[in-house]
């Protein structure tokens, strides 16, 4: 994910096809990860990793077309979309610090604090 962020920061285009980003990252020496099952193609491994990781960092990345998970209702990268049809770019909040989540205090902490 850090390599994709660095690539998008140096890229002159505002929106980059995911396939172009994957090719550039592989040529740049990014490790696509361990082979999973019968999947041994480095580009497919990296594509799978990025499709999962991009929606988890919405303060850094934006993409289209967006999809919604039928189970959770969260934004996801569409499963059936081809890599060349998915565009990725930096979100306007990419230069800001990561948002911190506020968790409710546990009952024991409420009594003490």
Protein backbone atom coordinates (compact mmCIF):
# COMPACT_ATOMS: atom_id res chain seq x y z
CA UNK A 1 0.00 0.00 0.00
CA UNK A 2 2.90 2.35 0.77
CA UNK A 3 4.39 1.68 -2.67
CA UNK A 4 1.07 2.51 -4.35
CA UNK A 5 0.83 5.74 -2.36
CA UNK A 6 4.38 6.72 -3.36
CA UNK A 7 3.66 5.88 -6.99
CA UNK A 8 0.51 8.01 -7.02
CA UNK A 9 2.38 10.93 -5.42
CA UNK A 10 5.00 10.87 -8.19
CA UNK A 11 2.56 10.19 -11.02
CA UNK A 12 1.55 13.22 -13.09
CA UNK A 13 -1.91 11.90 -13.99
CA UNK A 14 -4.68 12.58 -11.52
CA UNK A 15 -6.39 9.21 -12.05
CA UNK A 16 -4.39 6.10 -12.85
CA UNK A 17 -5.74 2.78 -14.12
CA UNK A 18 -5.08 0.06 -11.56
CA UNK A 19 -3.46 -2.12 -14.23
CA UNK A 20 -0.92 0.62 -15.01
CA UNK A 21 -0.15 1.05 -11.30
CA UNK A 22 0.32 -2.72 -10.85
CA UNK A 23 2.70 -2.89 -13.82
CA UNK A 24 4.74 0.06 -12.52
CA UNK A 25 4.91 -1.38 -9.01
CA UNK A 26 6.08 -4.77 -10.29
CA UNK A 27 8.75 -3.14 -12.46
CA UNK A 28 9.76 -1.10 -9.42
CA UNK A 29 10.44 -4.27 -7.46
CA UNK A 30 7.40 -4.53 -5.18
CA UNK A 31 7.00 -8.01 -3.72
CA UNK A 32 3.54 -9.32 -4.70
CA UNK A 33 3.43 -11.69 -1.73
CA UNK A 34 3.20 -15.43 -1.32
CA UNK A 35 1.40 -17.54 -3.90
CA UNK A 36 -2.10 -18.43 -2.74
CA UNK A 37 -3.60 -21.67 -3.98
CA UNK A 38 -3.13 -22.05 -7.71
CA UNK A 39 -2.57 -18.31 -8.15
CA UNK A 40 1.10 -17.74 -8.98
CA UNK A 41 0.93 -14.76 -11.37
CA UNK A 42 2.63 -11.78 -9.63
CA UNK A 43 0.30 -9.23 -11.25
CA UNK A 44 -2.79 -11.14 -10.11
CA UNK A 45 -1.41 -11.49 -6.58
CA UNK A 46 -0.68 -7.75 -6.37
CA UNK A 47 -4.08 -6.90 -7.87
CA UNK A 48 -5.82 -9.03 -5.24
CA UNK A 49 -3.85 -7.37 -2.44
CA UNK A 50 -4.57 -3.84 -3.71
CA UNK A 51 -8.29 -4.50 -4.26
CA UNK A 52 -8.56 -5.48 -0.61
CA UNK A 53 -6.24 -2.79 0.76
CA UNK A 54 -7.45 0.31 -1.11
CA UNK A 55 -10.90 0.42 0.55
CA UNK A 56 -9.25 0.03 3.96
CA UNK A 57 -7.38 3.33 3.49
CA UNK A 58 -10.11 5.71 2.37
CA UNK A 59 -8.29 8.72 3.81
CA UNK A 60 -5.44 8.06 1.32
CA UNK A 61 -7.08 6.52 -1.76
CA UNK A 62 -10.18 7.08 -3.83
CA UNK A 63 -11.28 4.84 -6.68
CA UNK A 64 -13.95 4.29 -9.25
CA UNK A 65 -16.13 2.44 -9.89
CA UNK A 66 -17.09 2.05 -6.25
CA UNK A 67 -19.20 -0.80 -5.06
CA UNK A 68 -20.99 -1.62 -1.83
CA UNK A 69 -20.53 -4.80 0.14
CA UNK A 70 -23.85 -6.63 0.37
CA UNK A 71 -23.00 -7.83 3.88
CA UNK A 72 -21.55 -4.75 5.59
CA UNK A 73 -22.64 -1.92 3.30
CA UNK A 74 -19.07 -0.53 3.20
CA UNK A 75 -17.45 0.83 0.05
CA UNK A 76 -15.42 -1.76 -1.84
CA UNK A 77 -13.61 -2.10 -5.15
CA UNK A 78 -16.02 -3.86 -7.47
CA UNK A 79 -15.18 -7.54 -7.70
CA UNK A 80 -16.11 -8.09 -11.34
CA UNK A 81 -14.43 -4.95 -12.69
CA UNK A 82 -11.26 -5.49 -14.71
CA UNK A 83 -8.05 -3.86 -13.51
CA UNK A 84 -7.91 -1.59 -16.57
CA UNK A 85 -11.44 -0.29 -15.77
CA UNK A 86 -10.60 0.64 -12.16
CA UNK A 87 -9.06 4.08 -11.59
CA UNK A 88 -7.20 5.03 -8.41
CA UNK A 89 -6.06 8.43 -7.16
CA UNK A 90 -5.01 10.16 -3.94
CA UNK A 91 -7.80 11.41 -1.72
CA UNK A 92 -7.85 15.11 -0.74
CA UNK A 93 -7.07 14.00 2.83
CA UNK A 94 -3.94 12.03 1.82
CA UNK A 95 -1.59 14.70 3.24
CA UNK A 96 -3.38 14.89 6.57
CA UNK A 97 -2.54 12.62 9.51
CA UNK A 98 -4.46 9.38 9.77
CA UNK A 99 -7.81 9.86 11.49
CA UNK A 100 -7.90 8.43 14.99
CA UNK A 101 -10.83 6.35 16.05
CA UNK A 102 -12.45 7.14 19.34
CA UNK A 103 -13.35 4.08 21.28
CA UNK A 104 -15.77 4.08 24.16
CA UNK A 105 -14.15 3.52 27.52
CA UNK A 106 -14.58 0.12 29.07
CA UNK A 107 -16.78 0.00 32.20
CA UNK A 108 -13.73 -0.47 34.46
CA UNK A 109 -12.05 2.61 32.97
CA UNK A 110 -15.22 4.72 33.44
CA UNK A 111 -15.32 3.92 37.14
CA UNK A 112 -11.67 4.86 37.59
CA UNK A 113 -11.48 7.86 35.35
